[in-house]
Structures are given as C-alpha cells and as structure tokens.
Amino acid sequence: MEPLTPHTHAQRTPDAPAVIVSGGAGDAGLTFAELDDRSARLAAAPRARGLGPGDGIALLMENHPSFPVAAWAARRPGLRHTALKHRQGHDSRVN
C-alpha cells in the first residue's frame, strides 16, 4: 500500500484543498498540488546544506499556512523536525 502523503494526494487529487485558511480578505489556502510543489522546492535547501535522513531541524515560524509546506519539506528527505513557537508569552521567557 502506498503511503498517504501530500505527494500521493497531489497525484490523485491535485486540486483538492490541502490547507484551508479562514480569516480576513486575501487569505488563501493550498491545494495538494501546490503543497507538493512548494515542499519539493523547499526540501532542496536542507539537502544542499548536507542534511539527510535522521538529521533534525527546528522550524521557528509564525502560525501560518506555510507551516505545512516547511514541515513536509523536512519530511521529504527524511529529516526529523521540531516546531517552535515564534512568540513566547511573558510567563515563558527565560531571564
């Protein structure tokens, strides 16, 4: 059985919504084809820096529709990723 990944969904249903965004005007989600294409292009960056299967990276970014792109880009070459909060509240700051 083929694993269910954004790439698999992009092949089967490229125009189906992969990321749905609700909010103000101009918010746009991503189709599976867009998620697959963008994550494939972004996945080249860690490989170009010598990272490969089993290596770990941290994703520090705002809560944004591009997070699934970054997360899937990390998974494509077999990287492990940890998501970090972009903004910390007052109580969680280190003095």
C-alpha atoms as a PDB file:
ATOM      1  CA  MET A   1       0.000   0.000   0.000  1.00  0.00           C
ATOM      2  CA  GLU A   2       1.302   3.436  -0.949  1.00  0.00           C
ATOM      3  CA  PRO A   3       1.775   5.830   1.995  1.00  0.00           C
ATOM      4  CA  LEU A   4      -0.683   8.710   2.259  1.00  0.00           C
ATOM      5  CA  THR A   5       1.457  11.790   1.781  1.00  0.00           C
ATOM      6  CA  PRO A   6       0.834  15.185   0.199  1.00  0.00           C
ATOM      7  CA  HIS A   7       2.658  13.851  -2.867  1.00  0.00           C
ATOM      8  CA  THR A   8       0.258  10.892  -3.115  1.00  0.00           C
ATOM      9  CA  HIS A   9      -2.751  13.176  -2.750  1.00  0.00           C
ATOM     10  CA  ALA A  10      -1.300  15.586  -5.329  1.00  0.00           C
ATOM     11  CA  GLN A  11      -1.128  12.764  -7.846  1.00  0.00           C
ATOM     12  CA  ARG A  12      -4.673  11.597  -7.143  1.00  0.00           C
ATOM     13  CA  THR A  13      -6.497  14.866  -6.472  1.00  0.00           C
ATOM     14  CA  PRO A  14      -4.200  17.807  -7.299  1.00  0.00           C
ATOM     15  CA  ASP A  15      -6.888  20.481  -6.951  1.00  0.00           C
ATOM     16  CA  ALA A  16      -8.290  19.247  -3.634  1.00  0.00           C
ATOM     17  CA  PRO A  17      -7.683  21.548  -0.655  1.00  0.00           C
ATOM     18  CA  ALA A  18      -4.721  20.541   1.499  1.00  0.00           C
ATOM     19  CA  VAL A  19      -4.557  23.661   3.688  1.00  0.00           C
ATOM     20  CA  ILE A  20      -7.708  25.605   4.437  1.00  0.00           C
ATOM     21  CA  VAL A  21      -7.390  29.130   5.794  1.00  0.00           C
ATOM     22  CA  SER A  22     -10.174  31.162   7.294  1.00  0.00           C
ATOM     23  CA  GLY A  23      -9.856  34.776   8.172  1.00  0.00           C
ATOM     24  CA  GLY A  24      -9.649  38.124   6.503  1.00  0.00           C
ATOM     25  CA  ALA A  25      -9.646  39.056   2.879  1.00  0.00           C
ATOM     26  CA  GLY A  26      -6.744  37.735   0.884  1.00  0.00           C
ATOM     27  CA  ASP A  27      -6.279  34.571   2.947  1.00  0.00           C
ATOM     28  CA  ALA A  28      -5.637  31.671   0.644  1.00  0.00           C
ATOM     29  CA  GLY A  29      -5.182  28.010   1.316  1.00  0.00           C
ATOM     30  CA  LEU A  30      -3.189  25.495  -0.675  1.00  0.00           C
ATOM     31  CA  THR A  31      -4.179  22.638  -2.928  1.00  0.00           C
ATOM     32  CA  PHE A  32      -2.339  19.332  -2.685  1.00  0.00           C
ATOM     33  CA  ALA A  33      -0.550  20.152  -5.946  1.00  0.00           C
ATOM     34  CA  GLU A  34       0.662  23.478  -4.514  1.00  0.00           C
ATOM     35  CA  LEU A  35       1.708  21.890  -1.213  1.00  0.00           C
ATOM     36  CA  ASP A  36       3.595  19.152  -3.058  1.00  0.00           C
ATOM     37  CA  ASP A  37       5.341  21.578  -5.423  1.00  0.00           C
ATOM     38  CA  ARG A  38       6.337  24.110  -2.763  1.00  0.00           C
ATOM     39  CA  SER A  39       7.561  21.482  -0.314  1.00  0.00           C
ATOM     40  CA  ALA A  40       9.601  19.769  -3.053  1.00  0.00           C
ATOM     41  CA  ARG A  41      11.357  23.045  -3.873  1.00  0.00           C
ATOM     42  CA  LEU A  42      11.968  23.864  -0.212  1.00  0.00           C
ATOM     43  CA  ALA A  43      13.278  20.343   0.509  1.00  0.00           C
ATOM     44  CA  ALA A  44      16.298  21.095  -1.664  1.00  0.00           C
ATOM     45  CA  ALA A  45      17.615  23.632   0.888  1.00  0.00           C
ATOM     46  CA  PRO A  46      18.493  21.224   3.727  1.00  0.00           C
ATOM     47  CA  ARG A  47      19.904  18.695   1.242  1.00  0.00           C
ATOM     48  CA  ALA A  48      22.140  21.424  -0.227  1.00  0.00           C
ATOM     49  CA  ARG A  49      23.474  22.027   3.279  1.00  0.00           C
ATOM     50  CA  GLY A  50      24.347  18.366   3.771  1.00  0.00           C
ATOM     51  CA  LEU A  51      21.373  17.319   5.887  1.00  0.00           C
ATOM     52  CA  GLY A  52      19.874  13.920   5.277  1.00  0.00           C
ATOM     53  CA  PRO A  53      17.758  11.119   6.725  1.00  0.00           C
ATOM     54  CA  GLY A  54      17.673  11.113  10.515  1.00  0.00           C
ATOM     55  CA  ASP A  55      19.074  14.631  10.923  1.00  0.00           C
ATOM     56  CA  GLY A  56      16.976  17.087  12.909  1.00  0.00           C
ATOM     57  CA  ILE A  57      15.948  20.667  12.301  1.00  0.00           C
ATOM     58  CA  ALA A  58      13.836  23.206  14.170  1.00  0.00           C
ATOM     59  CA  LEU A  59      11.055  25.140  12.482  1.00  0.00           C
ATOM     60  CA  LEU A  60      10.678  28.573  14.043  1.00  0.00           C
ATOM     61  CA  MET A  61       7.836  30.419  12.395  1.00  0.00           C
ATOM     62  CA  GLU A  62       4.524  32.108  12.951  1.00  0.00           C
ATOM     63  CA  ASN A  63       1.267  30.192  12.822  1.00  0.00           C
ATOM     64  CA  HIS A  64       0.888  30.465   9.071  1.00  0.00           C
ATOM     65  CA  PRO A  65      -0.369  28.414   6.105  1.00  0.00           C
ATOM     66  CA  SER A  66       3.253  27.922   5.026  1.00  0.00           C
ATOM     67  CA  PHE A  67       3.959  25.754   8.095  1.00  0.00           C
ATOM     68  CA  PRO A  68       2.684  22.549   6.400  1.00  0.00           C
ATOM     69  CA  VAL A  69       4.973  23.366   3.447  1.00  0.00           C
ATOM     70  CA  ALA A  70       8.000  23.629   5.740  1.00  0.00           C
ATOM     71  CA  ALA A  71       7.036  20.560   7.762  1.00  0.00           C
ATOM     72  CA  TRP A  72       6.510  18.406   4.685  1.00  0.00           C
ATOM     73  CA  ALA A  73       9.713  19.762   3.103  1.00  0.00           C
ATOM     74  CA  ALA A  74      11.575  18.483   6.168  1.00  0.00           C
ATOM     75  CA  ARG A  75       9.920  15.065   5.969  1.00  0.00           C
ATOM     76  CA  ARG A  76      10.618  14.532   2.257  1.00  0.00           C
ATOM     77  CA  PRO A  77      14.369  13.843   2.693  1.00  0.00           C
ATOM     78  CA  GLY A  78      13.768  12.027   5.998  1.00  0.00           C
ATOM     79  CA  LEU A  79      14.587  14.834   8.413  1.00  0.00           C
ATOM     80  CA  ARG A  80      13.093  14.998  11.884  1.00  0.00           C
ATOM     81  CA  HIS A  81      11.596  18.383  12.715  1.00  0.00           C
ATOM     82  CA  THR A  82      10.567  20.161  15.867  1.00  0.00           C
ATOM     83  CA  ALA A  83       8.147  23.071  15.737  1.00  0.00           C
ATOM     84  CA  LEU A  84       8.996  26.007  17.980  1.00  0.00           C
ATOM     85  CA  LYS A  85       6.685  28.847  18.950  1.00  0.00           C
ATOM     86  CA  HIS A  86       7.505  32.083  17.175  1.00  0.00           C
ATOM     87  CA  ARG A  87       6.370  34.238  20.087  1.00  0.00           C
ATOM     88  CA  GLN A  88       6.645  33.381  23.726  1.00  0.00           C
ATOM     89  CA  GLY A  89       4.314  34.801  26.344  1.00  0.00           C
ATOM     90  CA  HIS A  90       5.664  36.755  29.291  1.00  0.00           C
ATOM     91  CA  ASP A  91       5.466  33.747  31.648  1.00  0.00           C
ATOM     92  CA  SER A  92       7.608  31.544  29.418  1.00  0.00           C
ATOM     93  CA  ARG A  93      10.550  33.906  28.948  1.00  0.00           C
ATOM     94  CA  VAL A  94      13.902  32.897  30.281  1.00  0.00           C
ATOM     95  CA  ASN A  95      15.632  35.545  32.407  1.00  0.00           C
END
